[in-house]
Amino acid sequence: MLDGNAWFNDALPDQSTETVLSTMYTWHVNDVLEIWPDLQYIIRPGGTGTIDDVLLVGPLLYVTL
């Protein structure tokens, strides 16, 4: 699992922190194709608290030619 935090500059008084939790798995389909399912959860997007937390799900595809 990967995670990260962002702190915003004090010149932006309405913003504090944003936190991202991320996990992925590599699935080697064959010698040419890899699929990486990716899952991310973002806490306080934009650092303002005005946007609900968000769950992102998506695949990354790697093709070797």
PDB file of N, CA and C in Angstrom:
ATOM      1  N   MET A   1       0.846  -1.172   0.000  1.00  0.00           N
ATOM      2  CA  MET A   1       0.000   0.000   0.000  1.00  0.00           C
ATOM      3  C   MET A   1       0.890   1.234   0.000  1.00  0.00           C
ATOM      4  N   LEU A   2       0.520   2.202  -0.785  1.00  0.00           N
ATOM      5  CA  LEU A   2       1.215   3.479  -0.845  1.00  0.00           C
ATOM      6  C   LEU A   2       0.335   4.543  -0.229  1.00  0.00           C
ATOM      7  N   ASP A   3       0.942   5.518   0.384  1.00  0.00           N
ATOM      8  CA  ASP A   3       0.145   6.622   0.889  1.00  0.00           C
ATOM      9  C   ASP A   3       0.946   7.904   0.766  1.00  0.00           C
ATOM     10  N   GLY A   4       0.245   9.020   0.735  1.00  0.00           N
ATOM     11  CA  GLY A   4       0.910  10.306   0.625  1.00  0.00           C
ATOM     12  C   GLY A   4       0.062  11.394   1.250  1.00  0.00           C
ATOM     13  N   ASN A   5       0.732  12.441   1.688  1.00  0.00           N
ATOM     14  CA  ASN A   5       0.059  13.596   2.265  1.00  0.00           C
ATOM     15  C   ASN A   5       0.538  14.841   1.551  1.00  0.00           C
ATOM     16  N   ALA A   6      -0.342  15.803   1.403  1.00  0.00           N
ATOM     17  CA  ALA A   6       0.021  17.111   0.855  1.00  0.00           C
ATOM     18  C   ALA A   6      -0.405  18.173   1.845  1.00  0.00           C
ATOM     19  N   TRP A   7       0.520  19.066   2.145  1.00  0.00           N
ATOM     20  CA  TRP A   7       0.202  20.216   2.992  1.00  0.00           C
ATOM     21  C   TRP A   7       0.242  21.445   2.117  1.00  0.00           C
ATOM     22  N   PHE A   8      -0.735  22.304   2.271  1.00  0.00           N
ATOM     23  CA  PHE A   8      -0.831  23.486   1.446  1.00  0.00           C
ATOM     24  C   PHE A   8      -0.158  24.679   2.118  1.00  0.00           C
ATOM     25  N   ASN A   9       0.307  25.613   1.324  1.00  0.00           N
ATOM     26  CA  ASN A   9       0.973  26.819   1.786  1.00  0.00           C
ATOM     27  C   ASN A   9       0.064  27.612   2.719  1.00  0.00           C
ATOM     28  N   ASP A  10       0.645  28.245   3.720  1.00  0.00           N
ATOM     29  CA  ASP A  10      -0.130  29.060   4.659  1.00  0.00           C
ATOM     30  C   ASP A  10      -0.833  30.225   3.975  1.00  0.00           C
ATOM     31  N   ALA A  11      -0.389  30.600   2.784  1.00  0.00           N
ATOM     32  CA  ALA A  11      -1.038  31.684   2.035  1.00  0.00           C
ATOM     33  C   ALA A  11      -2.410  31.255   1.514  1.00  0.00           C
ATOM     34  N   LEU A  12      -2.719  29.971   1.613  1.00  0.00           N
ATOM     35  CA  LEU A  12      -4.023  29.440   1.205  1.00  0.00           C
ATOM     36  C   LEU A  12      -4.790  29.091   2.480  1.00  0.00           C
ATOM     37  N   PRO A  13      -5.441  30.062   3.100  1.00  0.00           N
ATOM     38  CA  PRO A  13      -6.007  29.855   4.442  1.00  0.00           C
ATOM     39  C   PRO A  13      -7.135  28.831   4.522  1.00  0.00           C
ATOM     40  N   ASP A  14      -7.833  28.557   3.424  1.00  0.00           N
ATOM     41  CA  ASP A  14      -8.949  27.618   3.463  1.00  0.00           C
ATOM     42  C   ASP A  14      -8.527  26.186   3.166  1.00  0.00           C
ATOM     43  N   GLN A  15      -7.239  25.949   2.966  1.00  0.00           N
ATOM     44  CA  GLN A  15      -6.760  24.619   2.633  1.00  0.00           C
ATOM     45  C   GLN A  15      -5.800  24.126   3.697  1.00  0.00           C
ATOM     46  N   SER A  16      -5.913  22.829   4.037  1.00  0.00           N
ATOM     47  CA  SER A  16      -5.011  22.271   5.041  1.00  0.00           C
ATOM     48  C   SER A  16      -4.247  21.088   4.461  1.00  0.00           C
ATOM     49  N   THR A  17      -4.817  19.891   4.491  1.00  0.00           N
ATOM     50  CA  THR A  17      -4.105  18.706   3.999  1.00  0.00           C
ATOM     51  C   THR A  17      -5.004  17.860   3.112  1.00  0.00           C
ATOM     52  N   GLU A  18      -4.356  17.053   2.292  1.00  0.00           N
ATOM     53  CA  GLU A  18      -5.021  16.048   1.461  1.00  0.00           C
ATOM     54  C   GLU A  18      -4.223  14.763   1.645  1.00  0.00           C
ATOM     55  N   THR A  19      -4.912  13.624   1.815  1.00  0.00           N
ATOM     56  CA  THR A  19      -4.250  12.339   2.020  1.00  0.00           C
ATOM     57  C   THR A  19      -4.729  11.352   0.962  1.00  0.00           C
ATOM     58  N   VAL A  20      -3.780  10.605   0.378  1.00  0.00           N
ATOM     59  CA  VAL A  20      -4.106   9.598  -0.633  1.00  0.00           C
ATOM     60  C   VAL A  20      -3.600   8.243  -0.155  1.00  0.00           C
ATOM     61  N   LEU A  21      -4.483   7.259  -0.146  1.00  0.00           N
ATOM     62  CA  LEU A  21      -4.125   5.868   0.129  1.00  0.00           C
ATOM     63  C   LEU A  21      -4.298   5.110  -1.173  1.00  0.00           C
ATOM     64  N   SER A  22      -3.300   4.337  -1.560  1.00  0.00           N
ATOM     65  CA  SER A  22      -3.354   3.673  -2.858  1.00  0.00           C
ATOM     66  C   SER A  22      -2.780   2.269  -2.737  1.00  0.00           C
ATOM     67  N   THR A  23      -3.377   1.350  -3.469  1.00  0.00           N
ATOM     68  CA  THR A  23      -2.854  -0.014  -3.531  1.00  0.00           C
ATOM     69  C   THR A  23      -3.043  -0.551  -4.943  1.00  0.00           C
ATOM     70  N   MET A  24      -2.146  -1.423  -5.350  1.00  0.00           N
ATOM     71  CA  MET A  24      -2.270  -2.031  -6.677  1.00  0.00           C
ATOM     72  C   MET A  24      -1.621  -3.409  -6.671  1.00  0.00           C
ATOM     73  N   TYR A  25      -1.900  -4.144  -7.705  1.00  0.00           N
ATOM     74  CA  TYR A  25      -1.393  -5.498  -7.855  1.00  0.00           C
ATOM     75  C   TYR A  25      -0.997  -5.682  -9.310  1.00  0.00           C
ATOM     76  N   THR A  26       0.100  -6.351  -9.577  1.00  0.00           N
ATOM     77  CA  THR A  26       0.517  -6.610 -10.954  1.00  0.00           C
ATOM     78  C   THR A  26       0.132  -8.028 -11.345  1.00  0.00           C
ATOM     79  N   TRP A  27      -0.620  -8.124 -12.444  1.00  0.00           N
ATOM     80  CA  TRP A  27      -1.026  -9.424 -12.969  1.00  0.00           C
ATOM     81  C   TRP A  27      -0.355  -9.608 -14.321  1.00  0.00           C
ATOM     82  N   HIS A  28       0.601 -10.535 -14.413  1.00  0.00           N
ATOM     83  CA  HIS A  28       1.293 -10.831 -15.667  1.00  0.00           C
ATOM     84  C   HIS A  28       0.435 -11.806 -16.467  1.00  0.00           C
ATOM     85  N   VAL A  29      -0.257 -11.281 -17.477  1.00  0.00           N
ATOM     86  CA  VAL A  29      -1.138 -12.115 -18.295  1.00  0.00           C
ATOM     87  C   VAL A  29      -0.301 -13.012 -19.191  1.00  0.00           C
ATOM     88  N   ASN A  30       0.707 -12.433 -19.844  1.00  0.00           N
ATOM     89  CA  ASN A  30       1.638 -13.180 -20.680  1.00  0.00           C
ATOM     90  C   ASN A  30       2.902 -12.327 -20.841  1.00  0.00           C
ATOM     91  N   ASP A  31       3.786 -12.684 -21.800  1.00  0.00           N
ATOM     92  CA  ASP A  31       5.036 -11.941 -21.979  1.00  0.00           C
ATOM     93  C   ASP A  31       4.816 -10.529 -22.509  1.00  0.00           C
ATOM     94  N   VAL A  32       3.641 -10.248 -23.010  1.00  0.00           N
ATOM     95  CA  VAL A  32       3.361  -8.962 -23.653  1.00  0.00           C
ATOM     96  C   VAL A  32       2.481  -8.056 -22.804  1.00  0.00           C
ATOM     97  N   LEU A  33       1.604  -8.620 -21.996  1.00  0.00           N
ATOM     98  CA  LEU A  33       0.574  -7.833 -21.314  1.00  0.00           C
ATOM     99  C   LEU A  33       0.636  -7.973 -19.797  1.00  0.00           C
ATOM    100  N   GLU A  34       0.596  -6.814 -19.127  1.00  0.00           N
ATOM    101  CA  GLU A  34       0.451  -6.754 -17.671  1.00  0.00           C
ATOM    102  C   GLU A  34      -0.758  -5.888 -17.358  1.00  0.00           C
ATOM    103  N   ILE A  35      -1.536  -6.287 -16.367  1.00  0.00           N
ATOM    104  CA  ILE A  35      -2.678  -5.501 -15.903  1.00  0.00           C
ATOM    105  C   ILE A  35      -2.443  -5.173 -14.436  1.00  0.00           C
ATOM    106  N   TRP A  36      -2.587  -3.891 -14.100  1.00  0.00           N
ATOM    107  CA  TRP A  36      -2.420  -3.429 -12.723  1.00  0.00           C
ATOM    108  C   TRP A  36      -3.727  -2.842 -12.242  1.00  0.00           C
ATOM    109  N   PRO A  37      -4.558  -3.606 -11.527  1.00  0.00           N
ATOM    110  CA  PRO A  37      -5.738  -3.002 -10.915  1.00  0.00           C
ATOM    111  C   PRO A  37      -5.272  -1.979  -9.879  1.00  0.00           C
ATOM    112  N   ASP A  38      -5.867  -0.796  -9.882  1.00  0.00           N
ATOM    113  CA  ASP A  38      -5.447   0.290  -9.003  1.00  0.00           C
ATOM    114  C   ASP A  38      -6.631   0.767  -8.183  1.00  0.00           C
ATOM    115  N   LEU A  39      -6.420   0.952  -6.889  1.00  0.00           N
ATOM    116  CA  LEU A  39      -7.458   1.417  -5.978  1.00  0.00           C
ATOM    117  C   LEU A  39      -6.883   2.575  -5.167  1.00  0.00           C
ATOM    118  N   GLN A  40      -7.575   3.727  -5.186  1.00  0.00           N
ATOM    119  CA  GLN A  40      -7.119   4.891  -4.435  1.00  0.00           C
ATOM    120  C   GLN A  40      -8.275   5.462  -3.628  1.00  0.00           C
ATOM    121  N   TYR A  41      -7.964   5.904  -2.419  1.00  0.00           N
ATOM    122  CA  TYR A  41      -8.931   6.587  -1.579  1.00  0.00           C
ATOM    123  C   TYR A  41      -8.330   7.938  -1.202  1.00  0.00           C
ATOM    124  N   ILE A  42      -9.012   9.022  -1.545  1.00  0.00           N
ATOM    125  CA  ILE A  42      -8.503  10.367  -1.296  1.00  0.00           C
ATOM    126  C   ILE A  42      -9.325  11.001  -0.183  1.00  0.00           C
ATOM    127  N   ILE A  43      -8.637  11.425   0.866  1.00  0.00           N
ATOM    128  CA  ILE A  43      -9.264  12.054   2.019  1.00  0.00           C
ATOM    129  C   ILE A  43      -9.041  13.563   1.913  1.00  0.00           C
ATOM    130  N   ARG A  44     -10.116  14.343   1.985  1.00  0.00           N
ATOM    131  CA  ARG A  44     -10.086  15.808   1.860  1.00  0.00           C
ATOM    132  C   ARG A  44      -9.500  16.256   0.527  1.00  0.00           C
ATOM    133  N   PRO A  45     -10.064  15.834  -0.623  1.00  0.00           N
ATOM    134  CA  PRO A  45      -9.545  16.270  -1.920  1.00  0.00           C
ATOM    135  C   PRO A  45      -9.466  17.799  -1.988  1.00  0.00           C
ATOM    136  N   GLY A  46      -8.342  18.306  -2.462  1.00  0.00           N
ATOM    137  CA  GLY A  46      -8.153  19.740  -2.565  1.00  0.00           C
ATOM    138  C   GLY A  46      -7.812  20.401  -1.245  1.00  0.00           C
ATOM    139  N   GLY A  47      -7.869  19.657  -0.138  1.00  0.00           N
ATOM    140  CA  GLY A  47      -7.494  20.167   1.162  1.00  0.00           C
ATOM    141  C   GLY A  47      -8.486  21.106   1.815  1.00  0.00           C
ATOM    142  N   THR A  48      -9.675  21.252   1.233  1.00  0.00           N
ATOM    143  CA  THR A  48     -10.623  22.219   1.783  1.00  0.00           C
ATOM    144  C   THR A  48     -11.678  21.603   2.680  1.00  0.00           C
ATOM    145  N   GLY A  49     -11.973  20.330   2.505  1.00  0.00           N
ATOM    146  CA  GLY A  49     -13.035  19.694   3.274  1.00  0.00           C
ATOM    147  C   GLY A  49     -14.413  19.944   2.684  1.00  0.00           C
ATOM    148  N   THR A  50     -14.482  20.712   1.583  1.00  0.00           N
ATOM    149  CA  THR A  50     -15.775  20.981   0.945  1.00  0.00           C
ATOM    150  C   THR A  50     -16.152  19.899  -0.061  1.00  0.00           C
ATOM    151  N   ILE A  51     -15.201  19.059  -0.429  1.00  0.00           N
ATOM    152  CA  ILE A  51     -15.441  17.964  -1.367  1.00  0.00           C
ATOM    153  C   ILE A  51     -15.416  16.665  -0.580  1.00  0.00           C
ATOM    154  N   ASP A  52     -16.403  15.795  -0.808  1.00  0.00           N
ATOM    155  CA  ASP A  52     -16.450  14.499  -0.123  1.00  0.00           C
ATOM    156  C   ASP A  52     -15.221  13.662  -0.478  1.00  0.00           C
ATOM    157  N   ASP A  53     -14.825  12.785   0.456  1.00  0.00           N
ATOM    158  CA  ASP A  53     -13.760  11.833   0.164  1.00  0.00           C
ATOM    159  C   ASP A  53     -14.162  11.009  -1.061  1.00  0.00           C
ATOM    160  N   VAL A  54     -13.169  10.528  -1.807  1.00  0.00           N
ATOM    161  CA  VAL A  54     -13.473   9.845  -3.061  1.00  0.00           C
ATOM    162  C   VAL A  54     -12.700   8.526  -3.152  1.00  0.00           C
ATOM    163  N   LEU A  55     -13.355   7.526  -3.739  1.00  0.00           N
ATOM    164  CA  LEU A  55     -12.750   6.226  -4.017  1.00  0.00           C
ATOM    165  C   LEU A  55     -12.589   6.101  -5.522  1.00  0.00           C
ATOM    166  N   LEU A  56     -11.367   5.857  -5.987  1.00  0.00           N
ATOM    167  CA  LEU A  56     -11.078   5.710  -7.414  1.00  0.00           C
ATOM    168  C   LEU A  56     -10.648   4.280  -7.691  1.00  0.00           C
ATOM    169  N   VAL A  57     -11.198   3.697  -8.746  1.00  0.00           N
ATOM    170  CA  VAL A  57     -10.861   2.344  -9.148  1.00  0.00           C
ATOM    171  C   VAL A  57     -10.595   2.352 -10.651  1.00  0.00           C
ATOM    172  N   GLY A  58      -9.505   1.745 -11.066  1.00  0.00           N
ATOM    173  CA  GLY A  58      -9.234   1.699 -12.494  1.00  0.00           C
ATOM    174  C   GLY A  58      -8.066   0.782 -12.798  1.00  0.00           C
ATOM    175  N   PRO A  59      -7.976   0.311 -14.034  1.00  0.00           N
ATOM    176  CA  PRO A  59      -6.858  -0.554 -14.422  1.00  0.00           C
ATOM    177  C   PRO A  59      -5.752   0.233 -15.133  1.00  0.00           C
ATOM    178  N   LEU A  60      -4.525  -0.205 -14.955  1.00  0.00           N
ATOM    179  CA  LEU A  60      -3.410   0.259 -15.759  1.00  0.00           C
ATOM    180  C   LEU A  60      -3.012  -0.919 -16.643  1.00  0.00           C
ATOM    181  N   LEU A  61      -2.862  -0.674 -17.923  1.00  0.00           N
ATOM    182  CA  LEU A  61      -2.477  -1.739 -18.859  1.00  0.00           C
ATOM    183  C   LEU A  61      -1.094  -1.432 -19.415  1.00  0.00           C
ATOM    184  N   TYR A  62      -0.203  -2.392 -19.373  1.00  0.00           N
ATOM    185  CA  TYR A  62       1.127  -2.253 -19.923  1.00  0.00           C
ATOM    186  C   TYR A  62       1.306  -3.291 -21.027  1.00  0.00           C
ATOM    187  N   VAL A  63       1.615  -2.810 -22.228  1.00  0.00           N
ATOM    188  CA  VAL A  63       1.814  -3.690 -23.383  1.00  0.00           C
ATOM    189  C   VAL A  63       3.237  -3.519 -23.847  1.00  0.00           C
ATOM    190  N   THR A  64       3.973  -4.625 -23.959  1.00  0.00           N
ATOM    191  CA  THR A  64       5.340  -4.600 -24.455  1.00  0.00           C
ATOM    192  C   THR A  64       5.322  -5.075 -25.905  1.00  0.00           C
ATOM    193  N   LEU A  65       5.806  -4.202 -26.776  1.00  0.00           N
ATOM    194  CA  LEU A  65       5.820  -4.548 -28.209  1.00  0.00           C
ATOM    195  C   LEU A  65       7.165  -5.077 -28.623  1.00  0.00           C
TER     196      LEU A  65
END
